[in-house]
Amino acid sequence: MSNSSSIEWTESTWNPSTGCSKISPGCKNCYAEKMSKRLNLMGVKKYRNNFKFTEHYQDLKLPLTWKKPKKVFVNSMSDLFHENSRMEFIGSCFDVMLKANQHVYQILTKRPDTMADFSKFFENYFGDIIPPHLWMGTSVENEDFKWRIDALREVKCHTRFLSVEPLLGPMGKLNLSHIDWVIIGGESGAKFRPVKGEWIMDIIKQCKKQKVAVFFKQWGGFRPKSGGRTINGKTYDQYPVTSSVDTVLNEVNYDEKEFAKLCNRKTRAKQRKTMVKV
């Protein structure tokens, strides 16, 4: 498969894992699930497990081979923080991103609480928080899942973003403190759920008021580009302003077994603290 991407807000995709499971309404018409099944039928070995979560070590070091700097969407076909993803494997992915730091990585999850847990392990192991060229994001499809924004704020990193796609309803008042970027998009596909202009404009206005970069990706429709990406005659394609990359972290020698031990030790310590004394 080509690593270039037609997704408007990125340039390439990197899938060190594939597969996922549905946990909220935004997952209902998952494009990655349909694509995985299609690729499996085409005989692509990477998708032999269809949409079952699978780690792919053979693709782990791919960003190291790309010399030209680019924006890289991490796991367009999966969720790196899926419940079956091992913390040490996630650590290996982050080690690659630290070493191939000529790129910007856009890491999106519907499981920001797990992302926050990982970020604490990352800081303990690497000695600093997740650097600016790793953009940590979460998906929020309607008002019921705004709690993910609070969970994202717990991630120990420099750059945070929201993907409000597919936007399935009005979001209401948004607290965008410590959020650097918001992507907005309607759903696409044969069973797309239409988005309303007032929902989009309300988010754009809140981004402007709170001085957060905003990117309106698409209206959606039967095809991703069916409705275009302008609203009220304007195109919104801002990106977050980030600081320069600190190269110190890429000098750490990463070891999966040692990282796994650290994660287990910290998890057990946390469990002991939360135990109720009878």
Protein backbone atom coordinates (compact mmCIF):
# COMPACT_ATOMS: atom_id res chain seq x y z
CA MET A 1 0.00 0.00 0.00
CA SER A 2 1.13 3.57 -0.68
CA ASN A 3 2.07 5.62 2.36
CA SER A 4 0.88 8.88 0.82
CA SER A 5 -2.52 10.06 2.00
CA SER A 6 -5.50 11.91 0.55
CA ILE A 7 -6.57 12.96 4.05
CA GLU A 8 -6.53 16.75 3.91
CA TRP A 9 -4.74 17.43 7.20
CA THR A 10 -1.85 15.00 6.78
CA GLU A 11 0.64 13.90 4.12
CA SER A 12 1.39 10.24 4.88
CA THR A 13 0.07 7.38 6.98
CA TRP A 14 2.00 4.84 9.05
CA ASN A 15 0.23 1.78 10.44
CA PRO A 16 2.43 -0.15 12.90
CA SER A 17 -0.80 -1.83 13.98
CA THR A 18 -4.09 -2.59 12.25
CA GLY A 19 -7.58 -3.41 13.49
CA CYS A 20 -9.77 -2.00 16.22
CA SER A 21 -13.12 -2.43 17.98
CA LYS A 22 -16.15 -0.15 18.16
CA ILE A 23 -16.64 1.79 21.39
CA SER A 24 -18.81 4.82 20.52
CA PRO A 25 -21.28 6.16 17.89
CA GLY A 26 -18.49 7.62 15.75
CA CYS A 27 -17.29 4.06 15.07
CA LYS A 28 -20.57 2.90 13.50
CA ASN A 29 -19.57 3.34 9.85
CA CYS A 30 -15.82 2.86 10.32
CA TYR A 31 -13.97 3.30 7.02
CA ALA A 32 -10.92 1.37 8.32
CA GLU A 33 -13.02 -1.73 9.03
CA LYS A 34 -14.42 -1.75 5.49
CA MET A 35 -11.00 -1.11 3.98
CA SER A 36 -9.40 -3.91 6.05
CA LYS A 37 -11.92 -6.44 4.79
CA ARG A 38 -11.40 -5.30 1.21
CA LEU A 39 -7.60 -5.56 1.51
CA ASN A 40 -7.92 -9.02 3.04
CA LEU A 41 -9.99 -10.17 0.07
CA MET A 42 -7.32 -8.71 -2.22
CA GLY A 43 -4.75 -10.96 -0.55
CA VAL A 44 -2.77 -8.26 1.29
CA LYS A 45 -0.96 -10.23 4.01
CA LYS A 46 -0.95 -7.37 6.49
CA TYR A 47 -4.75 -7.61 6.66
CA ARG A 48 -5.05 -11.39 6.93
CA ASN A 49 -6.69 -10.90 10.36
CA ASN A 50 -9.32 -8.59 8.85
CA PHE A 51 -10.09 -5.99 11.55
CA LYS A 52 -8.72 -7.86 14.56
CA PHE A 53 -6.11 -5.76 16.37
CA THR A 54 -2.65 -6.83 15.17
CA GLU A 55 0.85 -5.46 15.81
CA HIS A 56 3.17 -5.26 12.80
CA TYR A 57 6.83 -5.20 13.75
CA GLN A 58 7.85 -5.41 10.09
CA ASP A 59 6.54 -1.85 9.58
CA LEU A 60 7.86 -0.42 12.82
CA LYS A 61 10.91 1.37 11.41
CA LEU A 62 9.30 2.66 8.22
CA PRO A 63 9.49 6.39 9.19
CA LEU A 64 13.27 6.04 9.55
CA THR A 65 13.46 5.39 5.80
CA TRP A 66 11.64 8.61 4.88
CA LYS A 67 14.24 11.36 4.55
CA LYS A 68 11.95 14.21 3.47
CA PRO A 69 10.08 15.73 6.47
CA LYS A 70 6.32 15.16 6.38
CA LYS A 71 3.20 15.09 8.50
CA VAL A 72 2.45 11.46 9.39
CA PHE A 73 -0.94 10.22 10.59
CA VAL A 74 -0.16 7.31 12.93
CA ASN A 75 -2.58 4.38 12.59
CA SER A 76 -5.19 5.48 10.12
CA MET A 77 -6.28 1.81 10.16
CA SER A 78 -6.24 1.24 13.91
CA ASP A 79 -5.98 2.81 17.35
CA LEU A 80 -2.49 2.62 18.84
CA PHE A 81 -4.03 2.75 22.33
CA HIS A 82 -6.47 -0.12 21.76
CA GLU A 83 -7.02 -2.35 24.80
CA ASN A 84 -5.06 -5.18 23.11
CA SER A 85 -2.07 -2.98 22.32
CA ARG A 86 0.85 -3.71 24.66
CA MET A 87 2.46 -0.72 26.37
CA GLU A 88 5.93 -1.92 25.36
CA PHE A 89 4.86 -2.10 21.69
CA ILE A 90 3.49 1.46 21.93
CA GLY A 91 6.82 2.41 23.48
CA SER A 92 8.64 0.94 20.47
CA CYS A 93 6.49 3.06 18.15
CA PHE A 94 7.31 6.18 20.14
CA ASP A 95 11.02 5.30 20.13
CA VAL A 96 10.91 5.29 16.31
CA MET A 97 9.11 8.65 16.32
CA LEU A 98 11.78 10.11 18.60
CA LYS A 99 14.57 8.91 16.33
CA ALA A 100 12.88 9.90 13.04
CA ASN A 101 12.21 13.37 14.40
CA GLN A 102 12.35 15.10 11.02
CA HIS A 103 8.63 14.29 10.77
CA VAL A 104 5.53 15.52 12.61
CA TYR A 105 3.37 12.67 13.94
CA GLN A 106 -0.40 12.97 14.39
CA ILE A 107 -1.47 10.31 16.89
CA LEU A 108 -5.25 9.99 17.25
CA THR A 109 -7.20 7.82 19.69
CA LYS A 110 -10.67 7.27 21.07
CA ARG A 111 -8.98 6.01 24.25
CA PRO A 112 -7.31 9.15 25.70
CA ASP A 113 -7.33 7.72 29.23
CA THR A 114 -4.98 4.95 28.07
CA MET A 115 -2.93 7.54 26.18
CA ALA A 116 -2.61 9.52 29.42
CA ASP A 117 -1.43 6.43 31.31
CA PHE A 118 1.16 5.72 28.62
CA SER A 119 2.41 9.33 28.73
CA LYS A 120 3.28 8.90 32.42
CA PHE A 121 5.25 5.74 31.64
CA PHE A 122 6.95 7.60 28.78
CA GLU A 123 8.07 10.41 31.07
CA ASN A 124 9.40 7.94 33.65
CA TYR A 125 11.40 6.01 31.06
CA PHE A 126 12.65 8.74 28.72
CA GLY A 127 13.07 11.43 31.37
CA ASP A 128 10.80 14.08 29.82
CA ILE A 129 7.28 14.57 28.52
CA ILE A 130 6.27 13.72 24.93
CA PRO A 131 7.99 16.28 22.64
CA PRO A 132 6.32 18.91 20.39
CA HIS A 133 6.62 17.03 17.07
CA LEU A 134 4.34 14.28 18.42
CA TRP A 135 0.79 15.68 18.28
CA MET A 136 -1.47 13.79 20.67
CA GLY A 137 -5.15 13.80 19.77
CA THR A 138 -8.55 12.34 20.58
CA SER A 139 -11.81 11.97 18.65
CA VAL A 140 -14.98 13.61 19.95
CA GLU A 141 -18.08 13.00 17.84
CA ASN A 142 -20.80 14.54 19.98
CA GLU A 143 -21.49 16.21 23.31
CA ASP A 144 -21.64 12.89 25.20
CA PHE A 145 -17.94 12.30 24.59
CA LYS A 146 -16.55 15.68 25.63
CA TRP A 147 -15.04 13.86 28.64
CA ARG A 148 -12.33 12.73 26.22
CA ILE A 149 -11.11 16.34 26.03
CA ASP A 150 -10.53 16.36 29.79
CA ALA A 151 -8.74 13.01 29.51
CA LEU A 152 -6.54 14.41 26.71
CA ARG A 153 -5.52 17.28 28.97
CA GLU A 154 -4.04 14.66 31.30
CA VAL A 155 -1.63 13.49 28.58
CA LYS A 156 1.88 14.67 29.43
CA CYS A 157 2.87 16.28 26.14
CA HIS A 158 3.40 19.61 24.38
CA THR A 159 0.88 19.42 21.53
CA ARG A 160 -2.77 18.31 21.79
CA PHE A 161 -5.54 18.20 19.18
CA LEU A 162 -9.15 17.17 18.70
CA SER A 163 -10.74 15.43 15.73
CA VAL A 164 -14.41 16.34 15.78
CA GLU A 165 -15.21 13.89 13.01
CA PRO A 166 -17.68 12.53 12.24
CA LEU A 167 -19.52 15.43 13.85
CA LEU A 168 -22.85 13.84 14.82
CA GLY A 169 -24.51 16.62 16.81
CA PRO A 170 -24.07 20.01 18.45
CA MET A 171 -21.07 20.11 20.77
CA GLY A 172 -22.32 22.81 23.11
CA LYS A 173 -19.81 24.85 25.09
CA LEU A 174 -16.23 23.65 24.68
CA ASN A 175 -13.34 24.15 27.08
CA LEU A 176 -10.33 24.27 24.75
CA SER A 177 -7.70 25.15 27.32
CA HIS A 178 -4.41 23.36 26.56
CA ILE A 179 -5.78 22.27 23.17
CA ASP A 180 -3.72 23.47 20.19
CA TRP A 181 -5.73 22.33 17.17
CA VAL A 182 -9.27 21.25 16.25
CA ILE A 183 -10.22 19.30 13.11
CA ILE A 184 -13.90 19.33 12.10
CA GLY A 185 -15.52 17.03 9.56
CA GLY A 186 -18.80 15.49 8.50
CA GLU A 187 -19.22 11.77 7.90
CA SER A 188 -18.74 10.18 4.49
CA GLY A 189 -19.80 6.85 3.01
CA ALA A 190 -22.94 5.11 1.79
CA LYS A 191 -24.62 5.39 5.20
CA PHE A 192 -23.31 8.84 6.17
CA ARG A 193 -25.13 10.81 8.85
CA PRO A 194 -25.53 14.44 7.65
CA VAL A 195 -23.80 17.26 9.51
CA LYS A 196 -25.40 20.66 10.05
CA GLY A 197 -23.71 23.95 9.25
CA GLU A 198 -24.63 25.51 12.58
CA TRP A 199 -22.79 22.72 14.44
CA ILE A 200 -19.66 23.40 12.41
CA MET A 201 -19.80 27.19 12.74
CA ASP A 202 -20.38 27.00 16.49
CA ILE A 203 -17.12 25.06 16.91
CA ILE A 204 -15.23 27.41 14.57
CA LYS A 205 -16.42 30.44 16.54
CA GLN A 206 -15.36 28.85 19.81
CA CYS A 207 -11.92 28.04 18.36
CA LYS A 208 -11.50 31.65 17.23
CA LYS A 209 -12.57 33.01 20.62
CA GLN A 210 -10.18 30.70 22.46
CA LYS A 211 -7.37 31.25 19.93
CA VAL A 212 -7.14 27.61 18.83
CA ALA A 213 -6.11 26.63 15.28
CA VAL A 214 -9.02 25.11 13.35
CA PHE A 215 -9.14 22.88 10.25
CA PHE A 216 -12.46 22.21 8.53
CA LYS A 217 -11.82 18.98 6.66
CA GLN A 218 -15.09 18.20 4.87
CA TRP A 219 -18.86 18.36 4.78
CA GLY A 220 -18.87 14.66 3.93
CA GLY A 221 -21.51 12.84 1.96
CA PHE A 222 -21.55 9.71 -0.16
CA ARG A 223 -17.86 10.35 -0.88
CA PRO A 224 -15.39 12.25 1.35
CA LYS A 225 -15.11 15.14 -1.11
CA SER A 226 -18.82 15.21 -2.05
CA GLY A 227 -19.62 18.42 -0.19
CA GLY A 228 -16.26 20.16 -0.47
CA ARG A 229 -14.55 21.84 2.46
CA THR A 230 -15.65 25.46 2.37
CA ILE A 231 -18.26 26.94 4.69
CA ASN A 232 -19.82 30.36 4.18
CA GLY A 233 -17.34 30.87 1.36
CA LYS A 234 -14.29 30.28 3.57
CA THR A 235 -11.73 27.52 3.90
CA TYR A 236 -10.28 26.81 7.33
CA ASP A 237 -6.93 25.04 7.11
CA GLN A 238 -4.91 26.23 10.10
CA TYR A 239 -2.29 24.14 11.90
CA PRO A 240 -0.96 24.46 15.44
CA VAL A 241 2.17 26.48 16.09
CA THR A 242 4.69 24.21 17.81
CA SER A 243 8.15 24.71 19.26
CA SER A 244 11.30 23.14 17.83
CA VAL A 245 12.16 19.48 18.39
CA ASP A 246 14.41 18.61 21.32
CA THR A 247 16.83 15.93 20.13
CA VAL A 248 17.90 14.73 23.60
CA LEU A 249 15.19 12.07 23.91
CA ASN A 250 16.25 10.25 20.76
CA GLU A 251 19.53 9.34 22.47
CA VAL A 252 17.82 7.06 24.98
CA ASN A 253 18.42 3.36 24.32
CA TYR A 254 14.94 1.83 24.33
CA ASP A 255 14.40 -1.72 25.53
CA GLU A 256 10.92 -3.28 25.32
CA LYS A 257 11.45 -5.63 28.25
CA GLU A 258 12.67 -2.86 30.54
CA PHE A 259 9.77 -0.61 29.51
CA ALA A 260 7.30 -3.44 30.19
CA LYS A 261 8.80 -3.91 33.66
CA LEU A 262 8.44 -0.19 34.39
CA CYS A 263 4.81 -0.18 33.22
CA ASN A 264 3.95 -3.23 35.34
CA ARG A 265 5.70 -1.79 38.39
CA LYS A 266 3.92 1.58 38.10
CA THR A 267 0.56 -0.12 37.46
CA ARG A 268 0.90 -2.32 40.56
CA ALA A 269 1.87 0.69 42.66
CA LYS A 270 -1.20 2.56 41.43
CA GLN A 271 -3.43 -0.41 42.20
CA ARG A 272 -2.08 -0.64 45.74
CA LYS A 273 -2.83 3.04 46.32
CA THR A 274 -6.43 2.62 45.18
CA MET A 275 -7.14 -0.49 47.22
CA VAL A 276 -9.82 0.06 49.85
CA LYS A 277 -8.74 -0.90 53.33
CA VAL A 278 -11.39 -2.97 55.09
